[in-house]
Amino acid sequence: MLSNKSRPVIEATLPLIGSRIGEITPIFYNRLFTAHPELLDGLFSRSNQKNGTQQQALAGSIAAFATHLVNNPGTLPEAVLARIAHKHTSLGIVEEQYPIVYEHLFAAIVEDLGDAVTAEVAEAWTEVYWLMADALVKLEKGLYAQQANDKIWTPWTLTSKEEAGTDSVTFRFAPADETPATVAAPGQFVSVRVKLTDGVRQCRQYTLSDNVTSTTERVITTKIDSGGEVSPFMHQSLQVGDVIELSNPYGDLVIDTVGAPIVIATAGIGCTPSASALANLVAAGSEREVLVLHAEQQEANWALKYQMLESVAALPNAEIRLWLEDLENKDAGTEATAGFMNLAGLELPVDAKLYLCGPLPFMRAIRSQAIDAGIPATSIHYEVFGPDLWLAA
């Protein structure tokens, strides 16, 4: 825990560091990749560096961790650390890389803040960094130990590639070697690593969208991101029979088959964890009370429509509500509400747990509505595709 010596220093300098962290992190990444350009091959995302989201996520995680240490002495922000640890392990981050990050991060802090970084300030923030790093290393070692193998990446063969709504595709993979595969949990993701035309490998996390407990198949459904590199390659260049690398399954947004009632609210391609959870509930013969809420711009965009509707129909205590911005082009038999999703007027199950996945503005709005409706913040869980900009905010 943060020492009594460092706490007042962190408390005094947190506003300054917090106000400058957005400028510090780009300097950090420039230093890091200048010294270690190999990290852009198969570890860091070039597109997330280009659009700035990775810098924002790193800044947010550091600020959130330091703020927690100041405001909650004697504890660690477990939810923040778990989310980061799952992303790290899906990419193969190891303990030996933390000193490298420390070296270039603190050089960036000194470059930006200059004489404001006294020996006392440097010592206090060094303590914060290593408290965070040591906590993450411990969590990550535990996550690695839970896997059925000791490999970061294993080869998988594409066996099927099918359209799944406008601009979305479902990919099915089978193991390409004899490496034991880990059983996934509904809501978890895998990292995908592909070699692009310039020879550089790039990674992206995708939620498993079906058949999650299988060890002989991995299924993901992706929507093409025109600003990215991995999804365009997969949609346009990856063919049945090709072999790519997948990580073991990770992710802390896991939806169990038993327990309190659940509300799953999604928008767009955020439906993937919902679809996998519903399929898993059906396979388990679950009688859990489930309310599925989904929003789309138009019905044709709904990537996993039929899978989700079939699952809801097969569950004895499940129902689904749909919101469409464009009602004119919906199917004749589809029941939907016009406009954006709104929880007002819905009878939410008592003691419900709420799971959110979709664009950040959508999740923020629904979270606020859920709290207004009486769902405690501690019962609301979310998944962000890509760098966690909610935390950064």
Protein backbone atom coordinates (compact mmCIF):
# COMPACT_ATOMS: atom_id res chain seq x y z
CA MET A 1 0.00 0.00 0.00
CA LEU A 2 1.04 3.60 -0.48
CA SER A 3 3.43 4.71 2.25
CA ASN A 4 2.66 7.54 4.64
CA LYS A 5 5.70 9.34 3.23
CA SER A 6 4.45 9.23 -0.37
CA ARG A 7 0.72 9.78 0.16
CA PRO A 8 0.87 13.56 0.78
CA VAL A 9 3.26 13.99 -2.16
CA ILE A 10 0.93 12.07 -4.49
CA GLU A 11 -2.08 13.95 -3.18
CA ALA A 12 -0.33 17.29 -3.77
CA THR A 13 1.00 16.46 -7.25
CA LEU A 14 -1.91 14.38 -8.59
CA PRO A 15 -3.70 17.44 -10.05
CA LEU A 16 -0.54 18.44 -11.94
CA ILE A 17 0.30 14.92 -13.15
CA GLY A 18 -3.35 14.34 -13.99
CA SER A 19 -3.54 17.52 -16.03
CA ARG A 20 -0.37 16.64 -17.95
CA ILE A 21 -0.71 12.86 -18.29
CA GLY A 22 -2.35 13.28 -21.70
CA GLU A 23 0.82 15.05 -22.90
CA ILE A 24 3.17 12.70 -21.05
CA THR A 25 1.89 9.45 -22.56
CA PRO A 26 2.59 10.38 -26.23
CA ILE A 27 6.16 11.28 -25.22
CA PHE A 28 6.38 7.94 -23.42
CA TYR A 29 5.23 5.92 -26.42
CA ASN A 30 7.57 7.81 -28.76
CA ARG A 31 10.50 7.03 -26.46
CA LEU A 32 9.41 3.41 -26.02
CA PHE A 33 9.04 2.63 -29.72
CA THR A 34 12.22 4.48 -30.63
CA ALA A 35 14.13 2.27 -28.20
CA HIS A 36 12.08 -0.88 -28.87
CA PRO A 37 10.52 -0.78 -32.36
CA GLU A 38 9.98 -4.54 -32.14
CA LEU A 39 7.08 -3.91 -29.74
CA LEU A 40 4.97 -2.69 -32.66
CA ASP A 41 5.31 -6.13 -34.25
CA GLY A 42 2.70 -8.33 -32.62
CA LEU A 43 2.10 -6.46 -29.36
CA PHE A 44 1.05 -2.80 -29.61
CA SER A 45 -1.62 -1.72 -32.07
CA ARG A 46 -0.47 0.78 -34.67
CA SER A 47 -4.01 1.99 -35.32
CA ASN A 48 -4.63 2.62 -31.59
CA GLN A 49 -1.38 4.54 -31.45
CA LYS A 50 -2.35 6.57 -34.48
CA ASN A 51 -5.82 7.53 -33.21
CA GLY A 52 -4.55 8.19 -29.67
CA THR A 53 -6.83 5.77 -27.83
CA GLN A 54 -3.96 3.74 -26.37
CA GLN A 55 -2.38 6.87 -24.94
CA GLN A 56 -5.70 7.92 -23.39
CA ALA A 57 -6.22 4.46 -21.87
CA LEU A 58 -2.76 4.38 -20.30
CA ALA A 59 -3.20 7.89 -18.92
CA GLY A 60 -6.58 6.97 -17.47
CA SER A 61 -5.34 3.80 -15.79
CA ILE A 62 -2.42 5.56 -14.08
CA ALA A 63 -4.57 8.46 -12.90
CA ALA A 64 -7.33 6.13 -11.69
CA PHE A 65 -4.86 3.97 -9.78
CA ALA A 66 -3.15 6.93 -8.08
CA THR A 67 -6.49 8.53 -7.22
CA HIS A 68 -7.68 5.32 -5.62
CA LEU A 69 -4.54 5.05 -3.50
CA VAL A 70 -5.08 8.57 -2.19
CA ASN A 71 -8.82 8.24 -1.58
CA ASN A 72 -8.90 4.65 -0.34
CA PRO A 73 -5.81 3.99 1.80
CA GLY A 74 -5.06 0.34 2.42
CA THR A 75 -6.85 -0.99 -0.67
CA LEU A 76 -6.24 -1.46 -4.39
CA PRO A 77 -8.69 -0.78 -7.26
CA GLU A 78 -9.31 -4.45 -7.98
CA ALA A 79 -11.75 -3.92 -10.86
CA VAL A 80 -9.35 -1.57 -12.67
CA LEU A 81 -6.43 -3.95 -12.20
CA ALA A 82 -8.40 -7.04 -13.29
CA ARG A 83 -9.53 -5.37 -16.51
CA ILE A 84 -5.95 -4.38 -17.39
CA ALA A 85 -4.53 -7.78 -16.40
CA HIS A 86 -6.92 -9.66 -18.69
CA LYS A 87 -5.97 -7.44 -21.64
CA HIS A 88 -2.26 -7.81 -20.83
CA THR A 89 -2.36 -11.59 -20.64
CA SER A 90 -4.26 -11.85 -23.91
CA LEU A 91 -1.26 -10.13 -25.50
CA GLY A 92 1.46 -11.98 -23.63
CA ILE A 93 2.74 -9.16 -21.40
CA VAL A 94 5.37 -10.50 -18.99
CA GLU A 95 7.07 -9.27 -15.82
CA GLU A 96 10.33 -8.42 -17.59
CA GLN A 97 8.62 -5.73 -19.65
CA TYR A 98 7.55 -3.58 -16.68
CA PRO A 99 11.05 -2.12 -16.03
CA ILE A 100 11.19 -1.09 -19.70
CA VAL A 101 7.89 0.76 -19.36
CA TYR A 102 9.08 2.36 -16.12
CA GLU A 103 12.28 3.65 -17.72
CA HIS A 104 10.55 5.40 -20.60
CA LEU A 105 7.46 6.54 -18.71
CA PHE A 106 9.49 8.35 -16.07
CA ALA A 107 11.80 9.81 -18.68
CA ALA A 108 8.67 11.20 -20.36
CA ILE A 109 7.42 12.65 -17.06
CA VAL A 110 10.74 14.43 -16.49
CA GLU A 111 10.82 15.67 -20.10
CA ASP A 112 7.34 17.16 -19.77
CA LEU A 113 7.43 18.52 -16.22
CA GLY A 114 11.10 19.44 -15.92
CA ASP A 115 12.15 20.85 -12.54
CA ALA A 116 8.73 20.10 -11.04
CA VAL A 117 9.91 16.48 -10.75
CA THR A 118 11.97 16.78 -7.59
CA ALA A 119 13.65 13.78 -6.02
CA GLU A 120 10.75 13.55 -3.56
CA VAL A 121 8.15 13.61 -6.34
CA ALA A 122 10.06 11.04 -8.41
CA GLU A 123 10.33 8.71 -5.41
CA ALA A 124 6.61 8.96 -4.63
CA TRP A 125 5.46 8.32 -8.20
CA THR A 126 7.97 5.50 -8.53
CA GLU A 127 6.24 3.90 -5.56
CA VAL A 128 2.86 4.31 -7.27
CA TYR A 129 4.16 2.74 -10.48
CA TRP A 130 5.64 -0.31 -8.80
CA LEU A 131 2.59 -0.82 -6.59
CA MET A 132 0.54 -0.97 -9.77
CA ALA A 133 3.08 -3.05 -11.68
CA ASP A 134 3.56 -5.58 -8.88
CA ALA A 135 -0.20 -5.99 -8.47
CA LEU A 136 -0.62 -6.55 -12.20
CA VAL A 137 2.26 -9.03 -12.38
CA LYS A 138 0.69 -11.07 -9.60
CA LEU A 139 -2.72 -11.09 -11.30
CA GLU A 140 -1.23 -11.90 -14.68
CA LYS A 141 0.78 -14.83 -13.38
CA GLY A 142 -2.42 -16.21 -11.87
CA LEU A 143 -4.30 -15.82 -15.15
CA TYR A 144 -1.53 -17.54 -17.12
CA ALA A 145 -1.53 -20.41 -14.63
CA GLN A 146 -5.25 -21.03 -15.21
CA GLN A 147 -4.75 -21.84 -18.88
CA ALA A 148 -4.64 -25.36 -20.32
CA ASN A 149 -1.26 -24.58 -21.95
CA ASP A 150 1.75 -22.36 -21.40
CA LYS A 151 1.66 -20.70 -24.82
CA ILE A 152 0.71 -17.10 -25.55
CA TRP A 153 -0.26 -17.78 -29.17
CA THR A 154 -1.41 -20.97 -30.89
CA PRO A 155 -2.31 -21.58 -34.55
CA TRP A 156 -5.97 -21.93 -35.57
CA THR A 157 -7.37 -22.69 -39.03
CA LEU A 158 -10.30 -20.73 -40.46
CA THR A 159 -13.03 -23.27 -41.25
CA SER A 160 -15.95 -20.96 -42.03
CA LYS A 161 -16.53 -17.32 -42.92
CA GLU A 162 -20.13 -16.10 -43.10
CA GLU A 163 -21.79 -12.70 -43.37
CA ALA A 164 -23.58 -11.67 -40.18
CA GLY A 165 -25.41 -8.43 -40.76
CA THR A 166 -24.20 -5.36 -42.62
CA ASP A 167 -20.38 -5.10 -42.52
CA SER A 168 -20.11 -7.97 -39.99
CA VAL A 169 -18.69 -11.47 -40.45
CA THR A 170 -18.67 -14.60 -38.27
CA PHE A 171 -15.38 -16.53 -38.35
CA ARG A 172 -15.05 -20.13 -37.12
CA PHE A 173 -11.66 -21.61 -36.32
CA ALA A 174 -10.37 -25.10 -35.52
CA PRO A 175 -7.05 -25.92 -33.80
CA ALA A 176 -4.15 -26.23 -36.23
CA ASP A 177 -1.96 -28.23 -33.84
CA GLU A 178 -2.24 -30.45 -30.77
CA THR A 179 -1.91 -27.72 -28.12
CA PRO A 180 -4.54 -28.24 -25.39
CA ALA A 181 -7.19 -25.52 -25.58
CA THR A 182 -8.67 -23.73 -22.58
CA VAL A 183 -12.42 -23.86 -22.00
CA ALA A 184 -13.73 -20.30 -22.28
CA ALA A 185 -16.50 -18.63 -20.30
CA PRO A 186 -19.39 -16.69 -21.86
CA GLY A 187 -18.39 -13.06 -22.27
CA GLN A 188 -14.67 -13.73 -22.64
CA PHE A 189 -12.52 -12.73 -25.60
CA VAL A 190 -9.46 -13.93 -27.48
CA SER A 191 -6.74 -11.87 -29.08
CA VAL A 192 -6.27 -12.39 -32.80
CA ARG A 193 -2.81 -11.87 -34.30
CA VAL A 194 -2.40 -11.61 -38.07
CA LYS A 195 0.52 -10.79 -40.35
CA LEU A 196 -0.34 -7.87 -42.60
CA THR A 197 0.88 -7.28 -46.14
CA ASP A 198 3.86 -5.24 -44.90
CA GLY A 199 5.00 -8.20 -42.79
CA VAL A 200 4.13 -6.63 -39.42
CA ARG A 201 1.91 -8.61 -37.05
CA GLN A 202 -1.02 -6.79 -35.45
CA CYS A 203 -3.42 -7.82 -32.67
CA ARG A 204 -7.04 -7.19 -31.79
CA GLN A 205 -9.33 -8.60 -29.09
CA TYR A 206 -12.66 -10.12 -30.15
CA THR A 207 -15.38 -11.56 -27.95
CA LEU A 208 -16.24 -15.22 -28.51
CA SER A 209 -19.73 -15.10 -29.98
CA ASP A 210 -20.81 -18.77 -29.94
CA ASN A 211 -19.86 -22.24 -28.72
CA VAL A 212 -17.69 -20.72 -26.01
CA THR A 213 -17.08 -23.87 -23.96
CA SER A 214 -15.75 -25.83 -26.95
CA THR A 215 -12.06 -26.70 -27.08
CA THR A 216 -12.26 -27.70 -30.74
CA GLU A 217 -13.71 -24.47 -32.10
CA ARG A 218 -13.38 -20.72 -31.58
CA VAL A 219 -16.11 -18.46 -32.99
CA ILE A 220 -15.85 -14.68 -33.28
CA THR A 221 -18.06 -12.13 -35.01
CA THR A 222 -16.49 -8.86 -36.06
CA LYS A 223 -17.62 -5.63 -37.66
CA ILE A 224 -15.17 -4.06 -40.05
CA ASP A 225 -13.38 -1.03 -38.64
CA SER A 226 -12.28 1.15 -41.54
CA GLY A 227 -9.78 2.91 -39.28
CA GLY A 228 -8.20 -0.31 -38.08
CA GLU A 229 -5.87 -2.87 -39.61
CA VAL A 230 -6.91 -6.28 -38.27
CA SER A 231 -10.62 -6.38 -39.13
CA PRO A 232 -10.13 -5.10 -42.72
CA PHE A 233 -7.50 -7.81 -43.23
CA MET A 234 -9.78 -10.50 -41.82
CA HIS A 235 -12.84 -9.39 -43.79
CA GLN A 236 -11.07 -8.80 -47.09
CA SER A 237 -8.03 -11.11 -47.17
CA LEU A 238 -8.48 -14.00 -44.75
CA GLN A 239 -9.78 -17.12 -46.52
CA VAL A 240 -11.09 -20.51 -45.39
CA GLY A 241 -8.07 -22.76 -44.83
CA ASP A 242 -5.79 -19.92 -43.72
CA VAL A 243 -4.03 -20.21 -40.36
CA ILE A 244 -3.76 -17.32 -37.90
CA GLU A 245 -2.80 -17.04 -34.23
CA LEU A 246 -5.25 -16.84 -31.34
CA SER A 247 -4.57 -16.29 -27.66
CA ASN A 248 -6.12 -18.22 -24.81
CA PRO A 249 -9.50 -16.83 -23.66
CA TYR A 250 -9.49 -13.94 -21.19
CA GLY A 251 -11.90 -11.33 -19.87
CA ASP A 252 -13.58 -10.54 -16.57
CA LEU A 253 -17.07 -9.89 -18.00
CA VAL A 254 -18.36 -13.41 -17.42
CA ILE A 255 -22.09 -14.16 -17.33
CA ASP A 256 -22.95 -17.27 -15.30
CA THR A 257 -25.88 -19.62 -15.91
CA VAL A 258 -27.28 -19.31 -12.37
CA GLY A 259 -27.84 -16.50 -9.91
CA ALA A 260 -29.76 -13.26 -9.68
CA PRO A 261 -31.77 -11.95 -12.64
CA ILE A 262 -29.68 -10.31 -15.33
CA VAL A 263 -30.25 -7.50 -17.78
CA ILE A 264 -28.00 -7.50 -20.85
CA ALA A 265 -28.02 -4.18 -22.70
CA THR A 266 -26.09 -3.96 -25.96
CA ALA A 267 -25.81 -1.87 -29.10
CA GLY A 268 -24.35 -2.71 -32.48
CA ILE A 269 -21.54 -5.27 -32.52
CA GLY A 270 -21.61 -5.11 -28.71
CA CYS A 271 -24.16 -7.92 -29.03
CA THR A 272 -21.38 -10.53 -29.27
CA PRO A 273 -20.96 -11.21 -25.51
CA SER A 274 -24.75 -11.21 -25.17
CA ALA A 275 -25.09 -13.81 -27.93
CA SER A 276 -22.47 -16.10 -26.41
CA ALA A 277 -23.99 -15.78 -22.93
CA LEU A 278 -27.47 -16.60 -24.22
CA ALA A 279 -26.20 -19.64 -26.14
CA ASN A 280 -24.43 -20.84 -23.01
CA LEU A 281 -27.57 -20.38 -20.91
CA VAL A 282 -29.50 -22.51 -23.41
CA ALA A 283 -26.84 -25.24 -23.41
CA ALA A 284 -26.94 -25.35 -19.60
CA GLY A 285 -30.74 -25.54 -19.47
CA SER A 286 -30.72 -22.39 -17.35
CA GLU A 287 -33.91 -21.04 -15.79
CA ARG A 288 -32.29 -17.75 -14.86
CA GLU A 289 -34.42 -14.63 -15.40
CA VAL A 290 -32.94 -12.74 -18.35
CA LEU A 291 -33.95 -9.46 -19.97
CA VAL A 292 -32.12 -8.78 -23.23
CA LEU A 293 -32.09 -5.21 -24.54
CA HIS A 294 -30.54 -4.42 -27.91
CA ALA A 295 -30.26 -1.31 -30.09
CA GLU A 296 -29.34 -0.87 -33.76
CA GLN A 297 -29.40 1.87 -36.32
CA GLN A 298 -31.37 -0.48 -38.57
CA GLU A 299 -32.37 -4.11 -38.33
CA ALA A 300 -30.16 -5.26 -41.23
CA ASN A 301 -27.10 -4.30 -39.16
CA TRP A 302 -27.92 -6.73 -36.33
CA ALA A 303 -25.01 -9.15 -36.61
CA LEU A 304 -26.30 -12.03 -34.47
CA LYS A 305 -30.05 -11.49 -34.76
CA TYR A 306 -31.12 -15.06 -35.43
CA GLN A 307 -28.78 -16.64 -32.90
CA MET A 308 -30.01 -14.31 -30.17
CA LEU A 309 -33.69 -14.70 -31.02
CA GLU A 310 -33.40 -18.49 -31.08
CA SER A 311 -31.66 -18.50 -27.71
CA VAL A 312 -34.24 -16.21 -26.11
CA ALA A 313 -37.05 -18.43 -27.46
CA ALA A 314 -35.40 -21.49 -25.94
CA LEU A 315 -35.03 -19.97 -22.46
CA PRO A 316 -38.09 -20.25 -20.19
CA ASN A 317 -37.51 -16.96 -18.36
CA ALA A 318 -36.03 -14.72 -21.02
CA GLU A 319 -37.42 -11.87 -23.08
CA ILE A 320 -35.93 -9.44 -25.56
CA ARG A 321 -36.62 -5.78 -26.42
CA LEU A 322 -35.31 -4.06 -29.54
CA TRP A 323 -34.76 -0.38 -30.40
CA LEU A 324 -34.22 0.77 -33.99
CA GLU A 325 -33.36 4.26 -35.18
CA ASP A 326 -34.76 3.32 -38.59
CA LEU A 327 -38.17 1.68 -38.26
CA GLU A 328 -39.15 2.07 -41.91
CA ASN A 329 -36.89 -0.75 -43.11
CA LYS A 330 -37.52 -3.32 -40.37
CA ASP A 331 -38.92 -6.77 -41.14
CA ALA A 332 -42.71 -7.02 -41.05
CA GLY A 333 -42.75 -9.35 -38.04
CA THR A 334 -40.20 -7.48 -35.96
CA GLU A 335 -41.36 -5.68 -32.84
CA ALA A 336 -39.21 -2.65 -32.08
CA THR A 337 -39.29 0.76 -30.44
CA ALA A 338 -38.21 3.79 -32.42
CA GLY A 339 -35.11 5.73 -31.47
CA PHE A 340 -32.40 5.14 -28.90
CA MET A 341 -32.62 2.63 -26.07
CA ASN A 342 -34.29 4.00 -22.96
CA LEU A 343 -34.85 2.17 -19.67
CA ALA A 344 -37.66 4.49 -18.62
CA GLY A 345 -40.88 2.56 -18.23
CA LEU A 346 -39.22 -0.86 -18.23
CA GLU A 347 -39.84 -3.18 -15.30
CA LEU A 348 -36.30 -4.21 -14.43
CA PRO A 349 -35.96 -7.40 -12.39
CA VAL A 350 -35.43 -6.92 -8.67
CA ASP A 351 -31.77 -7.34 -7.64
CA ALA A 352 -30.76 -7.48 -11.30
CA LYS A 353 -27.18 -7.44 -12.51
CA LEU A 354 -26.68 -5.28 -15.57
CA TYR A 355 -24.15 -6.08 -18.29
CA LEU A 356 -23.32 -3.41 -20.89
CA CYS A 357 -21.49 -3.64 -24.19
CA GLY A 358 -21.52 -1.19 -27.08
CA PRO A 359 -20.26 2.28 -28.00
CA LEU A 360 -19.05 4.32 -25.05
CA PRO A 361 -21.76 7.03 -25.21
CA PHE A 362 -24.40 4.29 -25.25
CA MET A 363 -22.98 2.56 -22.17
CA ARG A 364 -22.64 5.80 -20.24
CA ALA A 365 -26.27 6.72 -20.97
CA ILE A 366 -27.67 3.31 -20.04
CA ARG A 367 -25.56 3.14 -16.89
CA SER A 368 -26.95 6.49 -15.74
CA GLN A 369 -30.51 5.39 -16.52
CA ALA A 370 -29.98 2.11 -14.66
CA ILE A 371 -28.71 3.90 -11.55
CA ASP A 372 -31.72 6.22 -11.72
CA ALA A 373 -33.90 3.09 -11.92
CA GLY A 374 -32.42 1.74 -8.70
CA ILE A 375 -29.70 -0.64 -9.87
CA PRO A 376 -26.60 -0.15 -7.68
CA ALA A 377 -23.41 0.88 -9.47
CA THR A 378 -21.72 -2.22 -8.05
CA SER A 379 -24.20 -4.39 -9.98
CA ILE A 380 -23.35 -2.80 -13.33
CA HIS A 381 -20.62 -4.38 -15.44
CA TYR A 382 -19.29 -3.37 -18.84
CA GLU A 383 -16.96 -4.40 -21.64
CA VAL A 384 -15.08 -1.92 -23.84
CA PHE A 385 -13.83 -3.11 -27.22
CA GLY A 386 -10.26 -1.83 -27.59
CA PRO A 387 -8.51 0.54 -25.14
CA ASP A 388 -10.68 1.34 -22.13
CA LEU A 389 -11.57 4.99 -22.75
CA TRP A 390 -14.32 4.89 -20.10
CA LEU A 391 -11.61 4.44 -17.49
CA ALA A 392 -9.56 7.16 -19.19
CA ALA A 393 -12.44 9.57 -18.76
